[in-house]
């Protein structure tokens, strides 16, 4: 469950996982053209 982020997305993106559903997600907020 430990997480790591690129500096360029820190504070804007959040990664999570659901082991029961075998899924991983990334919530991306305040998106920029460079994303």
ModelCIF file with pLDDT and N, C-alpha, C, O atoms, coordinates in Angstrom:
data_MODEL
#
_entry.id   MODEL 
#
_entity.id                         1 
_entity.type                       polymer 
_entity.pdbx_number_of_molecules   1 
#
_entity_poly.entity_id                      1 
_entity_poly.type                           'polypeptide(L)' 
_entity_poly.nstd_linkage                   no 
_entity_poly.nstd_monomer                   no 
_entity_poly.pdbx_seq_one_letter_code       
;(UNK)(UNK)(UNK)(UNK)(UNK)(UNK)(UNK)(UNK)(UNK)(UNK)(UNK)(UNK)(UNK)(UNK)(UNK)(UNK)
(UNK)(UNK)(UNK)(UNK)(UNK)(UNK)(UNK)(UNK)(UNK)(UNK)(UNK)(UNK)(UNK)(UNK)(UNK)(UNK)
(UNK)(UNK)(UNK)
;
_entity_poly.pdbx_seq_one_letter_code_can   XXXXXXXXXXXXXXXXXXXXXXXXXXXXXXXXXXX 
_entity_poly.pdbx_strand_id                 A 
#
loop_
_entity_poly_seq.entity_id 
_entity_poly_seq.num 
_entity_poly_seq.mon_id 
_entity_poly_seq.hetero 
1 1  UNK n 
1 2  UNK n 
1 3  UNK n 
1 4  UNK n 
1 5  UNK n 
1 6  UNK n 
1 7  UNK n 
1 8  UNK n 
1 9  UNK n 
1 10 UNK n 
1 11 UNK n 
1 12 UNK n 
1 13 UNK n 
1 14 UNK n 
1 15 UNK n 
1 16 UNK n 
1 17 UNK n 
1 18 UNK n 
1 19 UNK n 
1 20 UNK n 
1 21 UNK n 
1 22 UNK n 
1 23 UNK n 
1 24 UNK n 
1 25 UNK n 
1 26 UNK n 
1 27 UNK n 
1 28 UNK n 
1 29 UNK n 
1 30 UNK n 
1 31 UNK n 
1 32 UNK n 
1 33 UNK n 
1 34 UNK n 
1 35 UNK n 
#
_struct_asym.id          A 
_struct_asym.entity_id   1 
#
loop_
_ma_qa_metric.id 
_ma_qa_metric.mode 
_ma_qa_metric.name 
_ma_qa_metric.software_group_id 
_ma_qa_metric.type 
1 global pLDDT . pLDDT 
2 local  pLDDT . pLDDT 
#
_ma_qa_metric_global.metric_id      1 
_ma_qa_metric_global.metric_value   97.69 
_ma_qa_metric_global.model_id       1 
_ma_qa_metric_global.ordinal_id     1 
#
loop_
_ma_qa_metric_local.label_asym_id 
_ma_qa_metric_local.label_comp_id 
_ma_qa_metric_local.label_seq_id 
_ma_qa_metric_local.metric_id 
_ma_qa_metric_local.metric_value 
_ma_qa_metric_local.model_id 
_ma_qa_metric_local.ordinal_id 
A UNK 1  2 95.00 1 1  
A UNK 2  2 97.00 1 2  
A UNK 3  2 98.00 1 3  
A UNK 4  2 97.00 1 4  
A UNK 5  2 98.00 1 5  
A UNK 6  2 98.00 1 6  
A UNK 7  2 98.00 1 7  
A UNK 8  2 97.00 1 8  
A UNK 9  2 98.00 1 9  
A UNK 10 2 98.00 1 10 
A UNK 11 2 97.00 1 11 
A UNK 12 2 98.00 1 12 
A UNK 13 2 98.00 1 13 
A UNK 14 2 98.00 1 14 
A UNK 15 2 98.00 1 15 
A UNK 16 2 98.00 1 16 
A UNK 17 2 98.00 1 17 
A UNK 18 2 98.00 1 18 
A UNK 19 2 98.00 1 19 
A UNK 20 2 97.00 1 20 
A UNK 21 2 98.00 1 21 
A UNK 22 2 98.00 1 22 
A UNK 23 2 98.00 1 23 
A UNK 24 2 98.00 1 24 
A UNK 25 2 98.00 1 25 
A UNK 26 2 98.00 1 26 
A UNK 27 2 98.00 1 27 
A UNK 28 2 98.00 1 28 
A UNK 29 2 98.00 1 29 
A UNK 30 2 98.00 1 30 
A UNK 31 2 98.00 1 31 
A UNK 32 2 98.00 1 32 
A UNK 33 2 97.00 1 33 
A UNK 34 2 96.00 1 34 
A UNK 35 2 98.00 1 35 
#
loop_
_atom_site.group_PDB 
_atom_site.id 
_atom_site.type_symbol 
_atom_site.label_atom_id 
_atom_site.label_alt_id 
_atom_site.label_comp_id 
_atom_site.label_asym_id 
_atom_site.label_entity_id 
_atom_site.label_seq_id 
_atom_site.pdbx_PDB_ins_code 
_atom_site.Cartn_x 
_atom_site.Cartn_y 
_atom_site.Cartn_z 
_atom_site.occupancy 
_atom_site.B_iso_or_equiv 
_atom_site.pdbx_formal_charge 
_atom_site.auth_seq_id 
_atom_site.auth_comp_id 
_atom_site.auth_asym_id 
_atom_site.auth_atom_id 
_atom_site.pdbx_PDB_model_num 
ATOM 1   N N  . UNK A 1 1  ? 0.790   -1.230 0.000   1.00 95.00 ? 1  UNK A N  1 
ATOM 2   C CA . UNK A 1 1  ? 0.000   0.000  0.000   1.00 95.00 ? 1  UNK A CA 1 
ATOM 3   C C  . UNK A 1 1  ? 0.820   1.277  0.000   1.00 95.00 ? 1  UNK A C  1 
ATOM 4   O O  . UNK A 1 1  ? 0.268   2.365  -0.161  1.00 95.00 ? 1  UNK A O  1 
ATOM 5   N N  . UNK A 1 2  ? 2.118   1.164  0.176   1.00 97.00 ? 2  UNK A N  1 
ATOM 6   C CA . UNK A 1 2  ? 2.971   2.340  0.114   1.00 97.00 ? 2  UNK A CA 1 
ATOM 7   C C  . UNK A 1 2  ? 2.975   2.939  -1.273  1.00 97.00 ? 2  UNK A C  1 
ATOM 8   O O  . UNK A 1 2  ? 2.891   2.214  -2.265  1.00 97.00 ? 2  UNK A O  1 
ATOM 9   N N  . UNK A 1 3  ? 3.073   4.258  -1.355  1.00 98.00 ? 3  UNK A N  1 
ATOM 10  C CA . UNK A 1 3  ? 2.976   4.944  -2.639  1.00 98.00 ? 3  UNK A CA 1 
ATOM 11  C C  . UNK A 1 3  ? 4.207   5.799  -2.921  1.00 98.00 ? 3  UNK A C  1 
ATOM 12  O O  . UNK A 1 3  ? 4.946   6.186  -2.015  1.00 98.00 ? 3  UNK A O  1 
ATOM 13  N N  . UNK A 1 4  ? 4.399   6.077  -4.197  1.00 97.00 ? 4  UNK A N  1 
ATOM 14  C CA . UNK A 1 4  ? 5.501   6.922  -4.656  1.00 97.00 ? 4  UNK A CA 1 
ATOM 15  C C  . UNK A 1 4  ? 4.996   7.695  -5.870  1.00 97.00 ? 4  UNK A C  1 
ATOM 16  O O  . UNK A 1 4  ? 4.270   7.153  -6.703  1.00 97.00 ? 4  UNK A O  1 
ATOM 17  N N  . UNK A 1 5  ? 5.386   8.964  -5.963  1.00 98.00 ? 5  UNK A N  1 
ATOM 18  C CA . UNK A 1 5  ? 4.913   9.814  -7.053  1.00 98.00 ? 5  UNK A CA 1 
ATOM 19  C C  . UNK A 1 5  ? 6.066   10.547 -7.714  1.00 98.00 ? 5  UNK A C  1 
ATOM 20  O O  . UNK A 1 5  ? 7.072   10.857 -7.076  1.00 98.00 ? 5  UNK A O  1 
ATOM 21  N N  . UNK A 1 6  ? 5.906   10.819 -8.996  1.00 98.00 ? 6  UNK A N  1 
ATOM 22  C CA . UNK A 1 6  ? 6.821   11.734 -9.669  1.00 98.00 ? 6  UNK A CA 1 
ATOM 23  C C  . UNK A 1 6  ? 6.620   13.129 -9.090  1.00 98.00 ? 6  UNK A C  1 
ATOM 24  O O  . UNK A 1 6  ? 5.506   13.510 -8.733  1.00 98.00 ? 6  UNK A O  1 
ATOM 25  N N  . UNK A 1 7  ? 7.705   13.880 -9.001  1.00 98.00 ? 7  UNK A N  1 
ATOM 26  C CA . UNK A 1 7  ? 7.609   15.239 -8.454  1.00 98.00 ? 7  UNK A CA 1 
ATOM 27  C C  . UNK A 1 7  ? 6.604   16.079 -9.231  1.00 98.00 ? 7  UNK A C  1 
ATOM 28  O O  . UNK A 1 7  ? 5.930   16.935 -8.657  1.00 98.00 ? 7  UNK A O  1 
ATOM 29  N N  . UNK A 1 8  ? 6.503   15.839 -10.532 1.00 97.00 ? 8  UNK A N  1 
ATOM 30  C CA . UNK A 1 8  ? 5.660   16.671 -11.390 1.00 97.00 ? 8  UNK A CA 1 
ATOM 31  C C  . UNK A 1 8  ? 4.167   16.472 -11.127 1.00 97.00 ? 8  UNK A C  1 
ATOM 32  O O  . UNK A 1 8  ? 3.356   17.307 -11.527 1.00 97.00 ? 8  UNK A O  1 
ATOM 33  N N  . UNK A 1 9  ? 3.799   15.389 -10.467 1.00 98.00 ? 9  UNK A N  1 
ATOM 34  C CA . UNK A 1 9  ? 2.372   15.118 -10.215 1.00 98.00 ? 9  UNK A CA 1 
ATOM 35  C C  . UNK A 1 9  ? 2.033   15.132 -8.732  1.00 98.00 ? 9  UNK A C  1 
ATOM 36  O O  . UNK A 1 9  ? 0.864   15.014 -8.365  1.00 98.00 ? 9  UNK A O  1 
ATOM 37  N N  . UNK A 1 10 ? 3.031   15.274 -7.884  1.00 98.00 ? 10 UNK A N  1 
ATOM 38  C CA . UNK A 1 10 ? 2.812   15.240 -6.438  1.00 98.00 ? 10 UNK A CA 1 
ATOM 39  C C  . UNK A 1 10 ? 1.819   16.318 -6.029  1.00 98.00 ? 10 UNK A C  1 
ATOM 40  O O  . UNK A 1 10 ? 1.963   17.486 -6.391  1.00 98.00 ? 10 UNK A O  1 
ATOM 41  N N  . UNK A 1 11 ? 0.814   15.909 -5.273  1.00 97.00 ? 11 UNK A N  1 
ATOM 42  C CA . UNK A 1 11 ? -0.213  16.836 -4.835  1.00 97.00 ? 11 UNK A CA 1 
ATOM 43  C C  . UNK A 1 11 ? -1.381  16.960 -5.791  1.00 97.00 ? 11 UNK A C  1 
ATOM 44  O O  . UNK A 1 11 ? -2.420  17.516 -5.434  1.00 97.00 ? 11 UNK A O  1 
ATOM 45  N N  . UNK A 1 12 ? -1.221  16.447 -7.004  1.00 98.00 ? 12 UNK A N  1 
ATOM 46  C CA . UNK A 1 12 ? -2.311  16.511 -7.994  1.00 98.00 ? 12 UNK A CA 1 
ATOM 47  C C  . UNK A 1 12 ? -2.883  15.131 -8.315  1.00 98.00 ? 12 UNK A C  1 
ATOM 48  O O  . UNK A 1 12 ? -4.077  15.000 -8.582  1.00 98.00 ? 12 UNK A O  1 
ATOM 49  N N  . UNK A 1 13 ? -2.041  14.111 -8.290  1.00 98.00 ? 13 UNK A N  1 
ATOM 50  C CA . UNK A 1 13 ? -2.448  12.746 -8.628  1.00 98.00 ? 13 UNK A CA 1 
ATOM 51  C C  . UNK A 1 13 ? -2.471  11.891 -7.360  1.00 98.00 ? 13 UNK A C  1 
ATOM 52  O O  . UNK A 1 13 ? -1.663  12.081 -6.451  1.00 98.00 ? 13 UNK A O  1 
ATOM 53  N N  . UNK A 1 14 ? -3.409  10.952 -7.318  1.00 98.00 ? 14 UNK A N  1 
ATOM 54  C CA . UNK A 1 14 ? -3.496  10.005 -6.212  1.00 98.00 ? 14 UNK A CA 1 
ATOM 55  C C  . UNK A 1 14 ? -3.699  8.607  -6.765  1.00 98.00 ? 14 UNK A C  1 
ATOM 56  O O  . UNK A 1 14 ? -4.648  8.359  -7.508  1.00 98.00 ? 14 UNK A O  1 
ATOM 57  N N  . UNK A 1 15 ? -2.811  7.696  -6.404  1.00 98.00 ? 15 UNK A N  1 
ATOM 58  C CA . UNK A 1 15 ? -2.931  6.312  -6.839  1.00 98.00 ? 15 UNK A CA 1 
ATOM 59  C C  . UNK A 1 15 ? -3.576  5.484  -5.736  1.00 98.00 ? 15 UNK A C  1 
ATOM 60  O O  . UNK A 1 15 ? -3.350  5.729  -4.551  1.00 98.00 ? 15 UNK A O  1 
ATOM 61  N N  . UNK A 1 16 ? -4.376  4.508  -6.133  1.00 98.00 ? 16 UNK A N  1 
ATOM 62  C CA . UNK A 1 16 ? -5.018  3.614  -5.170  1.00 98.00 ? 16 UNK A CA 1 
ATOM 63  C C  . UNK A 1 16 ? -5.218  2.258  -5.824  1.00 98.00 ? 16 UNK A C  1 
ATOM 64  O O  . UNK A 1 16 ? -5.097  2.115  -7.041  1.00 98.00 ? 16 UNK A O  1 
ATOM 65  N N  . UNK A 1 17 ? -5.525  1.270  -5.003  1.00 98.00 ? 17 UNK A N  1 
ATOM 66  C CA . UNK A 1 17 ? -5.742  -0.075 -5.527  1.00 98.00 ? 17 UNK A CA 1 
ATOM 67  C C  . UNK A 1 17 ? -6.884  -0.742 -4.784  1.00 98.00 ? 17 UNK A C  1 
ATOM 68  O O  . UNK A 1 17 ? -7.166  -0.430 -3.627  1.00 98.00 ? 17 UNK A O  1 
ATOM 69  N N  . UNK A 1 18 ? -7.533  -1.663 -5.473  1.00 98.00 ? 18 UNK A N  1 
ATOM 70  C CA . UNK A 1 18 ? -8.589  -2.498 -4.895  1.00 98.00 ? 18 UNK A CA 1 
ATOM 71  C C  . UNK A 1 18 ? -8.207  -3.938 -5.175  1.00 98.00 ? 18 UNK A C  1 
ATOM 72  O O  . UNK A 1 18 ? -8.435  -4.444 -6.273  1.00 98.00 ? 18 UNK A O  1 
ATOM 73  N N  . UNK A 1 19 ? -7.633  -4.590 -4.193  1.00 98.00 ? 19 UNK A N  1 
ATOM 74  C CA . UNK A 1 19 ? -7.136  -5.955 -4.406  1.00 98.00 ? 19 UNK A CA 1 
ATOM 75  C C  . UNK A 1 19 ? -8.272  -6.929 -4.708  1.00 98.00 ? 19 UNK A C  1 
ATOM 76  O O  . UNK A 1 19 ? -8.091  -7.870 -5.481  1.00 98.00 ? 19 UNK A O  1 
ATOM 77  N N  . UNK A 1 20 ? -9.420  -6.715 -4.114  1.00 97.00 ? 20 UNK A N  1 
ATOM 78  C CA . UNK A 1 20 ? -10.552 -7.622 -4.345  1.00 97.00 ? 20 UNK A CA 1 
ATOM 79  C C  . UNK A 1 20 ? -11.000 -7.577 -5.802  1.00 97.00 ? 20 UNK A C  1 
ATOM 80  O O  . UNK A 1 20 ? -11.388 -8.600 -6.366  1.00 97.00 ? 20 UNK A O  1 
ATOM 81  N N  . UNK A 1 21 ? -10.946 -6.399 -6.408  1.00 98.00 ? 21 UNK A N  1 
ATOM 82  C CA . UNK A 1 21 ? -11.358 -6.241 -7.806  1.00 98.00 ? 21 UNK A CA 1 
ATOM 83  C C  . UNK A 1 21 ? -10.194 -6.358 -8.772  1.00 98.00 ? 21 UNK A C  1 
ATOM 84  O O  . UNK A 1 21 ? -10.384 -6.317 -9.988  1.00 98.00 ? 21 UNK A O  1 
ATOM 85  N N  . UNK A 1 22 ? -8.989  -6.504 -8.237  1.00 98.00 ? 22 UNK A N  1 
ATOM 86  C CA . UNK A 1 22 ? -7.783  -6.573 -9.071  1.00 98.00 ? 22 UNK A CA 1 
ATOM 87  C C  . UNK A 1 22 ? -7.670  -5.328 -9.951  1.00 98.00 ? 22 UNK A C  1 
ATOM 88  O O  . UNK A 1 22 ? -7.460  -5.418 -11.161 1.00 98.00 ? 22 UNK A O  1 
ATOM 89  N N  . UNK A 1 23 ? -7.811  -4.193 -9.327  1.00 98.00 ? 23 UNK A N  1 
ATOM 90  C CA . UNK A 1 23 ? -7.761  -2.936 -10.074 1.00 98.00 ? 23 UNK A CA 1 
ATOM 91  C C  . UNK A 1 23 ? -6.853  -1.919 -9.378  1.00 98.00 ? 23 UNK A C  1 
ATOM 92  O O  . UNK A 1 23 ? -6.707  -1.907 -8.156  1.00 98.00 ? 23 UNK A O  1 
ATOM 93  N N  . UNK A 1 24 ? -6.255  -1.075 -10.205 1.00 98.00 ? 24 UNK A N  1 
ATOM 94  C CA . UNK A 1 24 ? -5.481  0.055  -9.709  1.00 98.00 ? 24 UNK A CA 1 
ATOM 95  C C  . UNK A 1 24 ? -6.000  1.303  -10.412 1.00 98.00 ? 24 UNK A C  1 
ATOM 96  O O  . UNK A 1 24 ? -6.390  1.266  -11.579 1.00 98.00 ? 24 UNK A O  1 
ATOM 97  N N  . UNK A 1 25 ? -5.992  2.400  -9.676  1.00 98.00 ? 25 UNK A N  1 
ATOM 98  C CA . UNK A 1 25 ? -6.566  3.647  -10.173 1.00 98.00 ? 25 UNK A CA 1 
ATOM 99  C C  . UNK A 1 25 ? -5.561  4.784  -9.986  1.00 98.00 ? 25 UNK A C  1 
ATOM 100 O O  . UNK A 1 25 ? -4.675  4.725  -9.133  1.00 98.00 ? 25 UNK A O  1 
ATOM 101 N N  . UNK A 1 26 ? -5.728  5.807  -10.802 1.00 98.00 ? 26 UNK A N  1 
ATOM 102 C CA . UNK A 1 26 ? -5.034  7.057  -10.522 1.00 98.00 ? 26 UNK A CA 1 
ATOM 103 C C  . UNK A 1 26 ? -6.028  8.202  -10.761 1.00 98.00 ? 26 UNK A C  1 
ATOM 104 O O  . UNK A 1 26 ? -6.548  8.386  -11.861 1.00 98.00 ? 26 UNK A O  1 
ATOM 105 N N  . UNK A 1 27 ? -6.263  8.948  -9.706  1.00 98.00 ? 27 UNK A N  1 
ATOM 106 C CA . UNK A 1 27 ? -7.104  10.140 -9.781  1.00 98.00 ? 27 UNK A CA 1 
ATOM 107 C C  . UNK A 1 27 ? -6.196  11.310 -10.139 1.00 98.00 ? 27 UNK A C  1 
ATOM 108 O O  . UNK A 1 27 ? -5.232  11.597 -9.429  1.00 98.00 ? 27 UNK A O  1 
ATOM 109 N N  . UNK A 1 28 ? -6.507  11.980 -11.238 1.00 98.00 ? 28 UNK A N  1 
ATOM 110 C CA . UNK A 1 28 ? -5.658  13.057 -11.726 1.00 98.00 ? 28 UNK A CA 1 
ATOM 111 C C  . UNK A 1 28 ? -6.446  14.363 -11.684 1.00 98.00 ? 28 UNK A C  1 
ATOM 112 O O  . UNK A 1 28 ? -7.434  14.524 -12.400 1.00 98.00 ? 28 UNK A O  1 
ATOM 113 N N  . UNK A 1 29 ? -6.008  15.278 -10.855 1.00 98.00 ? 29 UNK A N  1 
ATOM 114 C CA . UNK A 1 29 ? -6.666  16.564 -10.695 1.00 98.00 ? 29 UNK A CA 1 
ATOM 115 C C  . UNK A 1 29 ? -5.763  17.692 -11.185 1.00 98.00 ? 29 UNK A C  1 
ATOM 116 O O  . UNK A 1 29 ? -4.551  17.529 -11.325 1.00 98.00 ? 29 UNK A O  1 
ATOM 117 N N  . UNK A 1 30 ? -6.391  18.842 -11.443 1.00 98.00 ? 30 UNK A N  1 
ATOM 118 C CA . UNK A 1 30 ? -5.640  20.016 -11.897 1.00 98.00 ? 30 UNK A CA 1 
ATOM 119 C C  . UNK A 1 30 ? -4.702  19.660 -13.050 1.00 98.00 ? 30 UNK A C  1 
ATOM 120 O O  . UNK A 1 30 ? -3.511  19.971 -13.021 1.00 98.00 ? 30 UNK A O  1 
ATOM 121 N N  . UNK A 1 31 ? -5.252  19.015 -14.042 1.00 98.00 ? 31 UNK A N  1 
ATOM 122 C CA . UNK A 1 31 ? -4.434  18.545 -15.167 1.00 98.00 ? 31 UNK A CA 1 
ATOM 123 C C  . UNK A 1 31 ? -3.869  19.718 -15.956 1.00 98.00 ? 31 UNK A C  1 
ATOM 124 O O  . UNK A 1 31 ? -4.497  20.768 -16.089 1.00 98.00 ? 31 UNK A O  1 
ATOM 125 N N  . UNK A 1 32 ? -2.671  19.505 -16.472 1.00 98.00 ? 32 UNK A N  1 
ATOM 126 C CA . UNK A 1 32 ? -1.947  20.511 -17.228 1.00 98.00 ? 32 UNK A CA 1 
ATOM 127 C C  . UNK A 1 32 ? -1.648  19.986 -18.629 1.00 98.00 ? 32 UNK A C  1 
ATOM 128 O O  . UNK A 1 32 ? -1.610  18.773 -18.836 1.00 98.00 ? 32 UNK A O  1 
ATOM 129 N N  . UNK A 1 33 ? -1.436  20.876 -19.588 1.00 97.00 ? 33 UNK A N  1 
ATOM 130 C CA . UNK A 1 33 ? -1.113  20.397 -20.943 1.00 97.00 ? 33 UNK A CA 1 
ATOM 131 C C  . UNK A 1 33 ? 0.087   19.463 -20.971 1.00 97.00 ? 33 UNK A C  1 
ATOM 132 O O  . UNK A 1 33 ? 0.147   18.556 -21.801 1.00 97.00 ? 33 UNK A O  1 
ATOM 133 N N  . UNK A 1 34 ? 1.036   19.674 -20.077 1.00 96.00 ? 34 UNK A N  1 
ATOM 134 C CA . UNK A 1 34 ? 2.222   18.809 -20.054 1.00 96.00 ? 34 UNK A CA 1 
ATOM 135 C C  . UNK A 1 34 ? 1.930   17.412 -19.506 1.00 96.00 ? 34 UNK A C  1 
ATOM 136 O O  . UNK A 1 34 ? 2.808   16.550 -19.524 1.00 96.00 ? 34 UNK A O  1 
ATOM 137 N N  . UNK A 1 35 ? 0.715   17.178 -19.021 1.00 98.00 ? 35 UNK A N  1 
ATOM 138 C CA . UNK A 1 35 ? 0.310   15.830 -18.609 1.00 98.00 ? 35 UNK A CA 1 
ATOM 139 C C  . UNK A 1 35 ? -0.167  14.999 -19.795 1.00 98.00 ? 35 UNK A C  1 
ATOM 140 O O  . UNK A 1 35 ? -0.545  13.840 -19.624 1.00 98.00 ? 35 UNK A O  1 
#
